[in-house]
C-alpha atoms as a PDB file:
ATOM      1  CA  MET A   1       0.533 -17.093  -8.905  1.00  0.00           C
ATOM      2  CA  ASP A   2       3.159 -19.652  -9.085  1.00  0.00           C
ATOM      3  CA  ASN A   3       2.458 -20.159 -13.051  1.00  0.00           C
ATOM      4  CA  PHE A   4       3.907 -16.445 -13.459  1.00  0.00           C
ATOM      5  CA  THR A   5       7.187 -15.260 -14.532  1.00  0.00           C
ATOM      6  CA  VAL A   6       9.451 -13.307 -11.869  1.00  0.00           C
ATOM      7  CA  VAL A   7       8.739 -10.069 -14.198  1.00  0.00           C
ATOM      8  CA  GLN A   8       4.997 -10.642 -13.653  1.00  0.00           C
ATOM      9  CA  ASN A   9       5.357 -11.407  -9.903  1.00  0.00           C
ATOM     10  CA  ILE A  10       7.219  -8.546  -9.117  1.00  0.00           C
ATOM     11  CA  ALA A  11       4.769  -6.378 -11.048  1.00  0.00           C
ATOM     12  CA  ILE A  12       1.913  -8.130  -8.963  1.00  0.00           C
ATOM     13  CA  TRP A  13       3.714  -7.809  -5.550  1.00  0.00           C
ATOM     14  CA  ALA A  14       5.784  -4.696  -5.797  1.00  0.00           C
ATOM     15  CA  LEU A  15       3.103  -1.882  -4.967  1.00  0.00           C
ATOM     16  CA  PRO A  16       1.233  -4.246  -2.137  1.00  0.00           C
ATOM     17  CA  VAL A  17       4.672  -4.652  -0.513  1.00  0.00           C
ATOM     18  CA  LEU A  18       5.436  -1.212  -0.732  1.00  0.00           C
ATOM     19  CA  PHE A  19       2.286  -0.054   0.770  1.00  0.00           C
ATOM     20  CA  ALA A  20       2.226  -2.682   3.456  1.00  0.00           C
ATOM     21  CA  ILE A  21       5.809  -1.869   4.627  1.00  0.00           C
ATOM     22  CA  THR A  22       5.373   1.975   4.625  1.00  0.00           C
ATOM     23  CA  VAL A  23       2.169   2.240   5.934  1.00  0.00           C
ATOM     24  CA  HIS A  24       3.130  -0.047   8.621  1.00  0.00           C
ATOM     25  CA  GLU A  25       6.112   2.282   9.885  1.00  0.00           C
ATOM     26  CA  VAL A  26       4.032   5.452   9.541  1.00  0.00           C
ATOM     27  CA  ALA A  27       1.459   4.032  11.718  1.00  0.00           C
ATOM     28  CA  HIS A  28       4.150   3.565  14.331  1.00  0.00           C
ATOM     29  CA  GLY A  29       5.087   6.971  13.955  1.00  0.00           C
ATOM     30  CA  TRP A  30       1.959   8.578  13.669  1.00  0.00           C
ATOM     31  CA  VAL A  31       0.710   7.043  16.911  1.00  0.00           C
ATOM     32  CA  ALA A  32       3.634   8.011  18.694  1.00  0.00           C
ATOM     33  CA  MET A  33       3.162  11.466  17.887  1.00  0.00           C
ATOM     34  CA  LYS A  34      -0.397  11.294  19.312  1.00  0.00           C
ATOM     35  CA  LEU A  35       0.766  10.121  22.320  1.00  0.00           C
ATOM     36  CA  GLY A  36       3.691  12.812  22.925  1.00  0.00           C
ATOM     37  CA  ASP A  37       6.758  11.727  20.570  1.00  0.00           C
ATOM     38  CA  ARG A  38       7.514  13.853  17.528  1.00  0.00           C
ATOM     39  CA  THR A  39      10.547  12.218  16.679  1.00  0.00           C
ATOM     40  CA  ALA A  40       9.621  10.569  13.469  1.00  0.00           C
ATOM     41  CA  GLN A  41       7.551  13.798  12.343  1.00  0.00           C
ATOM     42  CA  MET A  42      10.771  15.951  12.896  1.00  0.00           C
ATOM     43  CA  MET A  43      13.016  13.445  11.214  1.00  0.00           C
ATOM     44  CA  GLY A  44      10.285  13.678   7.914  1.00  0.00           C
ATOM     45  CA  ARG A  45       9.280  10.001   8.506  1.00  0.00           C
ATOM     46  CA  LEU A  46       5.499  10.716   8.665  1.00  0.00           C
ATOM     47  CA  THR A  47       4.978  10.426   4.883  1.00  0.00           C
ATOM     48  CA  LEU A  48       4.044   7.655   2.515  1.00  0.00           C
ATOM     49  CA  ASN A  49       6.894   8.308   0.207  1.00  0.00           C
ATOM     50  CA  PRO A  50       8.412   5.051   0.040  1.00  0.00           C
ATOM     51  CA  LEU A  51      11.587   6.272  -0.601  1.00  0.00           C
ATOM     52  CA  LYS A  52      11.767   7.599   3.029  1.00  0.00           C
ATOM     53  CA  HIS A  53      11.426   4.220   4.510  1.00  0.00           C
ATOM     54  CA  ILE A  54      13.161   1.697   1.917  1.00  0.00           C
ATOM     55  CA  ASP A  55      15.489  -0.446   3.698  1.00  0.00           C
ATOM     56  CA  PRO A  56      17.630  -1.819   0.661  1.00  0.00           C
ATOM     57  CA  ILE A  57      17.956  -5.375   2.267  1.00  0.00           C
ATOM     58  CA  GLY A  58      14.342  -5.578   3.927  1.00  0.00           C
ATOM     59  CA  THR A  59      12.120  -3.950   1.378  1.00  0.00           C
ATOM     60  CA  LEU A  60      14.165  -4.704  -1.753  1.00  0.00           C
ATOM     61  CA  LEU A  61      16.524  -7.551  -1.380  1.00  0.00           C
ATOM     62  CA  VAL A  62      14.715 -10.101   0.532  1.00  0.00           C
ATOM     63  CA  PRO A  63      11.319  -9.826  -0.846  1.00  0.00           C
ATOM     64  CA  GLY A  64      13.035  -9.735  -4.465  1.00  0.00           C
ATOM     65  CA  LEU A  65      14.904 -13.165  -3.719  1.00  0.00           C
ATOM     66  CA  LEU A  66      11.839 -14.821  -2.206  1.00  0.00           C
ATOM     67  CA  LEU A  67       9.920 -14.034  -5.309  1.00  0.00           C
ATOM     68  CA  MET A  68      12.713 -15.375  -7.266  1.00  0.00           C
ATOM     69  CA  VAL A  69      12.934 -18.599  -5.464  1.00  0.00           C
ATOM     70  CA  GLY A  70       9.218 -18.945  -5.763  1.00  0.00           C
ATOM     71  CA  ALA A  71       8.946 -18.817  -1.760  1.00  0.00           C
ATOM     72  CA  SER A  72       5.870 -19.928  -0.220  1.00  0.00           C
ATOM     73  CA  PHE A  73       5.471 -16.789   1.622  1.00  0.00           C
ATOM     74  CA  ILE A  74       6.916 -13.117   0.917  1.00  0.00           C
ATOM     75  CA  PHE A  75       7.797 -10.694   3.853  1.00  0.00           C
ATOM     76  CA  GLY A  76       9.879  -7.730   4.277  1.00  0.00           C
ATOM     77  CA  TRP A  77      10.777  -4.737   6.239  1.00  0.00           C
ATOM     78  CA  ALA A  78      11.490  -0.740   6.035  1.00  0.00           C
ATOM     79  CA  LYS A  79      13.706   1.391   8.153  1.00  0.00           C
ATOM     80  CA  PRO A  80      12.307   1.331  11.593  1.00  0.00           C
ATOM     81  CA  VAL A  81      10.688   4.646  12.302  1.00  0.00           C
ATOM     82  CA  PRO A  82      12.564   6.331  15.223  1.00  0.00           C
ATOM     83  CA  VAL A  83      10.440   6.400  18.406  1.00  0.00           C
ATOM     84  CA  ASN A  84      11.730   7.875  21.605  1.00  0.00           C
ATOM     85  CA  PHE A  85       9.800   6.048  24.107  1.00  0.00           C
ATOM     86  CA  ASN A  86      10.841   8.354  26.960  1.00  0.00           C
ATOM     87  CA  ASN A  87       8.940  11.376  25.243  1.00  0.00           C
ATOM     88  CA  LEU A  88       5.503   9.540  25.614  1.00  0.00           C
ATOM     89  CA  ARG A  89       3.366  10.548  28.127  1.00  0.00           C
ATOM     90  CA  LYS A  90       2.971   7.002  29.691  1.00  0.00           C
ATOM     91  CA  PRO A  91       5.965   5.355  28.211  1.00  0.00           C
ATOM     92  CA  LYS A  92       5.269   1.923  29.162  1.00  0.00           C
ATOM     93  CA  SER A  93       1.748   1.726  28.457  1.00  0.00           C
ATOM     94  CA  ASP A  94       1.870   3.909  25.427  1.00  0.00           C
ATOM     95  CA  MET A  95       4.480   2.006  24.061  1.00  0.00           C
ATOM     96  CA  VAL A  96       1.669  -1.083  23.584  1.00  0.00           C
ATOM     97  CA  TRP A  97      -0.357   1.398  21.413  1.00  0.00           C
ATOM     98  CA  VAL A  98       2.513   2.265  19.201  1.00  0.00           C
ATOM     99  CA  ALA A  99       3.764  -1.127  18.784  1.00  0.00           C
ATOM    100  CA  LEU A 100       0.153  -2.301  18.020  1.00  0.00           C
ATOM    101  CA  ALA A 101      -0.470   0.713  15.397  1.00  0.00           C
ATOM    102  CA  GLY A 102       1.872  -1.328  12.735  1.00  0.00           C
ATOM    103  CA  PRO A 103       0.058  -4.547  12.689  1.00  0.00           C
ATOM    104  CA  MET A 104      -3.432  -2.912  13.063  1.00  0.00           C
ATOM    105  CA  SER A 105      -2.585  -0.982   9.844  1.00  0.00           C
ATOM    106  CA  ASN A 106      -1.966  -3.848   7.995  1.00  0.00           C
ATOM    107  CA  LEU A 107      -5.121  -5.528   9.185  1.00  0.00           C
ATOM    108  CA  VAL A 108      -6.879  -2.400   7.594  1.00  0.00           C
ATOM    109  CA  MET A 109      -4.742  -2.521   4.478  1.00  0.00           C
ATOM    110  CA  ALA A 110      -5.753  -6.559   4.010  1.00  0.00           C
ATOM    111  CA  ILE A 111      -9.564  -5.135   4.626  1.00  0.00           C
ATOM    112  CA  ILE A 112      -9.074  -2.458   1.907  1.00  0.00           C
ATOM    113  CA  TRP A 113      -7.372  -4.917  -0.364  1.00  0.00           C
ATOM    114  CA  ALA A 114     -10.293  -7.287  -0.091  1.00  0.00           C
ATOM    115  CA  ALA A 115     -12.775  -4.872  -0.660  1.00  0.00           C
ATOM    116  CA  LEU A 116     -10.860  -3.775  -3.949  1.00  0.00           C
ATOM    117  CA  ALA A 117     -10.593  -7.341  -4.943  1.00  0.00           C
ATOM    118  CA  LYS A 118     -14.445  -7.734  -4.830  1.00  0.00           C
ATOM    119  CA  VAL A 119     -14.686  -4.795  -6.972  1.00  0.00           C
ATOM    120  CA  GLY A 120     -12.249  -6.199  -9.443  1.00  0.00           C
ATOM    121  CA  LEU A 121     -14.218  -9.455  -9.442  1.00  0.00           C
ATOM    122  CA  GLY A 122     -17.327  -7.343 -10.518  1.00  0.00           C
ATOM    123  CA  LEU A 123     -15.185  -5.827 -13.366  1.00  0.00           C
ATOM    124  CA  HIS A 124     -13.861  -8.952 -14.298  1.00  0.00           C
ATOM    125  CA  GLN A 125     -17.229 -10.400 -14.790  1.00  0.00           C
ATOM    126  CA  ALA A 126     -18.369  -7.476 -16.899  1.00  0.00           C
ATOM    127  CA  GLY A 127     -15.316  -8.345 -19.215  1.00  0.00           C
ATOM    128  CA  ILE A 128     -13.088  -5.555 -18.509  1.00  0.00           C
ATOM    129  CA  ASP A 129      -9.283  -6.695 -19.130  1.00  0.00           C
ATOM    130  CA  LEU A 130      -7.436  -5.059 -16.454  1.00  0.00           C
ATOM    131  CA  ALA A 131      -9.593  -6.718 -13.982  1.00  0.00           C
ATOM    132  CA  GLU A 132      -7.580  -9.907 -13.691  1.00  0.00           C
ATOM    133  CA  PRO A 133      -4.058  -8.340 -12.796  1.00  0.00           C
ATOM    134  CA  MET A 134      -5.921  -5.776 -10.661  1.00  0.00           C
ATOM    135  CA  ILE A 135      -7.338  -9.308  -8.679  1.00  0.00           C
ATOM    136  CA  TYR A 136      -4.117 -10.709  -8.323  1.00  0.00           C
ATOM    137  CA  MET A 137      -2.650  -7.601  -7.027  1.00  0.00           C
ATOM    138  CA  CYS A 138      -5.409  -7.321  -4.433  1.00  0.00           C
ATOM    139  CA  PHE A 139      -4.940 -11.021  -3.285  1.00  0.00           C
ATOM    140  CA  ALA A 140      -1.127 -10.396  -3.048  1.00  0.00           C
ATOM    141  CA  GLY A 141      -2.132  -7.267  -0.883  1.00  0.00           C
ATOM    142  CA  ILE A 142      -4.378  -9.479   1.253  1.00  0.00           C
ATOM    143  CA  GLN A 143      -1.534 -12.043   1.595  1.00  0.00           C
ATOM    144  CA  ILE A 144       1.495  -9.747   2.428  1.00  0.00           C
ATOM    145  CA  ASN A 145      -0.553  -7.598   4.985  1.00  0.00           C
ATOM    146  CA  ILE A 146      -1.954 -10.556   6.867  1.00  0.00           C
ATOM    147  CA  MET A 147       1.676 -12.095   6.972  1.00  0.00           C
ATOM    148  CA  LEU A 148       3.129  -8.692   8.083  1.00  0.00           C
ATOM    149  CA  MET A 149       0.520  -8.571  10.786  1.00  0.00           C
ATOM    150  CA  LEU A 150       1.007 -12.136  12.187  1.00  0.00           C
ATOM    151  CA  LEU A 151       4.484 -12.211  12.159  1.00  0.00           C
ATOM    152  CA  ASN A 152       5.014  -8.784  13.796  1.00  0.00           C
ATOM    153  CA  LEU A 153       2.566 -10.006  16.517  1.00  0.00           C
ATOM    154  CA  LEU A 154       5.100 -12.829  17.631  1.00  0.00           C
ATOM    155  CA  PRO A 155       5.693 -12.100  21.059  1.00  0.00           C
ATOM    156  CA  LEU A 156       9.525 -11.688  20.409  1.00  0.00           C
ATOM    157  CA  PRO A 157      11.704  -8.114  20.584  1.00  0.00           C
ATOM    158  CA  PRO A 158      12.155  -6.280  18.700  1.00  0.00           C
ATOM    159  CA  LEU A 159       8.994  -7.376  16.857  1.00  0.00           C
ATOM    160  CA  ASP A 160       5.866  -5.731  17.624  1.00  0.00           C
ATOM    161  CA  GLY A 161       4.595  -8.385  19.673  1.00  0.00           C
ATOM    162  CA  GLY A 162       7.484  -8.365  21.667  1.00  0.00           C
ATOM    163  CA  ARG A 163       7.321  -4.673  22.462  1.00  0.00           C
ATOM    164  CA  VAL A 164       3.568  -5.377  23.572  1.00  0.00           C
ATOM    165  CA  LEU A 165       4.570  -7.965  25.780  1.00  0.00           C
ATOM    166  CA  VAL A 166       7.338  -5.852  27.381  1.00  0.00           C
ATOM    167  CA  GLY A 167       4.735  -2.904  27.960  1.00  0.00           C
ATOM    168  CA  LEU A 168       2.284  -5.413  29.574  1.00  0.00           C
ATOM    169  CA  LEU A 169       4.573  -7.409  31.778  1.00  0.00           C
ATOM    170  CA  PRO A 170       5.306  -6.217  35.267  1.00  0.00           C
ATOM    171  CA  GLY A 171       8.458  -4.333  35.625  1.00  0.00           C
ATOM    172  CA  PRO A 172      11.303  -7.035  36.613  1.00  0.00           C
ATOM    173  CA  LEU A 173       9.932  -9.482  34.144  1.00  0.00           C
ATOM    174  CA  SER A 174       9.506  -6.703  31.505  1.00  0.00           C
ATOM    175  CA  TRP A 175      13.042  -5.987  31.746  1.00  0.00           C
ATOM    176  CA  GLN A 176      14.152  -9.623  31.499  1.00  0.00           C
ATOM    177  CA  VAL A 177      12.055  -9.672  28.263  1.00  0.00           C
ATOM    178  CA  SER A 178      13.524  -6.846  26.959  1.00  0.00           C
ATOM    179  CA  ARG A 179      17.099  -8.077  27.449  1.00  0.00           C
ATOM    180  CA  ILE A 180      16.179 -10.329  24.294  1.00  0.00           C
ATOM    181  CA  GLU A 181      16.040  -7.288  21.869  1.00  0.00           C
ATOM    182  CA  PRO A 182      19.778  -7.477  20.497  1.00  0.00           C
ATOM    183  CA  TYR A 183      19.434 -11.220  19.653  1.00  0.00           C
ATOM    184  CA  GLY A 184      15.727 -11.416  18.536  1.00  0.00           C
ATOM    185  CA  PHE A 185      16.681 -10.942  14.789  1.00  0.00           C
ATOM    186  CA  PHE A 186      18.927 -14.165  14.870  1.00  0.00           C
ATOM    187  CA  ILE A 187      16.385 -16.079  17.021  1.00  0.00           C
ATOM    188  CA  LEU A 188      13.653 -15.269  14.220  1.00  0.00           C
ATOM    189  CA  VAL A 189      15.938 -16.180  11.659  1.00  0.00           C
ATOM    190  CA  GLY A 190      16.530 -19.138  13.212  1.00  0.00           C
ATOM    191  CA  LEU A 191      13.243 -19.975  13.744  1.00  0.00           C
ATOM    192  CA  LEU A 192      12.577 -19.300  10.218  1.00  0.00           C
ATOM    193  CA  TYR A 193      15.375 -21.638   8.930  1.00  0.00           C
ATOM    194  CA  LEU A 194      13.941 -24.315  11.261  1.00  0.00           C
ATOM    195  CA  GLY A 195      10.575 -24.123  10.045  1.00  0.00           C
ATOM    196  CA  VAL A 196       8.883 -23.193  13.513  1.00  0.00           C
ATOM    197  CA  ILE A 197       7.509 -19.664  12.167  1.00  0.00           C
ATOM    198  CA  GLY A 198       5.910 -21.485   9.480  1.00  0.00           C
ATOM    199  CA  MET A 199       4.239 -23.922  11.599  1.00  0.00           C
ATOM    200  CA  ILE A 200       2.955 -21.101  13.771  1.00  0.00           C
ATOM    201  CA  LEU A 201       1.927 -18.567  11.145  1.00  0.00           C
ATOM    202  CA  PHE A 202       0.738 -20.738   8.143  1.00  0.00           C
ATOM    203  CA  PRO A 203      -2.386 -22.001   9.935  1.00  0.00           C
ATOM    204  CA  LEU A 204      -3.201 -18.559  11.293  1.00  0.00           C
ATOM    205  CA  MET A 205      -2.636 -16.976   8.018  1.00  0.00           C
ATOM    206  CA  LYS A 206      -4.935 -19.433   6.133  1.00  0.00           C
ATOM    207  CA  GLY A 207      -7.641 -18.988   8.724  1.00  0.00           C
ATOM    208  CA  THR A 208      -7.539 -15.093   8.699  1.00  0.00           C
ATOM    209  CA  ILE A 209      -7.338 -14.676   4.782  1.00  0.00           C
ATOM    210  CA  ASN A 210     -10.265 -17.389   4.545  1.00  0.00           C
ATOM    211  CA  LEU A 211     -12.217 -15.285   6.880  1.00  0.00           C
ATOM    212  CA  LEU A 212     -11.735 -12.299   4.982  1.00  0.00           C
ATOM    213  CA  PHE A 213     -12.797 -13.989   1.651  1.00  0.00           C
ATOM    214  CA  ASN A 214     -15.686 -15.187   3.315  1.00  0.00           C
ATOM    215  CA  LEU A 215     -16.684 -11.920   4.569  1.00  0.00           C
ATOM    216  CA  PHE A 216     -15.905 -10.186   0.986  1.00  0.00           C
ATOM    217  CA  GLY A 217     -17.782 -13.000  -0.715  1.00  0.00           C
ATOM    218  CA  LEU A 218     -13.986 -13.670  -2.846  1.00  0.00           C
ATOM    219  CA  ARG A 219     -14.732 -17.609  -3.178  1.00  0.00           C
END
């Protein structure tokens, strides 16, 4: 996709990014509702309407800038779905399932995009013109969802992996880790700037994408 113009890249990535971020947040709210907290539902956030979830910076500005500068990876975020963990039936353990819901939804979406890419390749072989942009969009969908899944599983509050860690650790240690949350975003930005996140995520991302490609015969 490096040879595409900015406009072409936006056309390819816009839908996969919006779906990846929106479904991720809805998954958190849906699982929270099933486990006793209806906050997201009452605030109208259990909807796939992206307008309800768009964060001007995380959903539009950051991914847009990354596309414009030709970054090697694209990521973003939506407005977090509100969850009141005190309303959960088992707050500490249920928090783990609520946190995992987002990354797991990204994994499911990556699998769906891979299946659609397989269909697109079949259409391309049949000579259908729209198949090629469909394939590129599917590849973008695979990439953004795997990236978001792996990024959010990092054990750093307030990322989902951090909340999983807080939910699994024993009381005093859990409390100590949770105290990192106000500084988590700045730590993440610093690690991204230093290239640490890339060193961790890129091998995992490449391996996961290769696995999906092999499973669906996308070579």
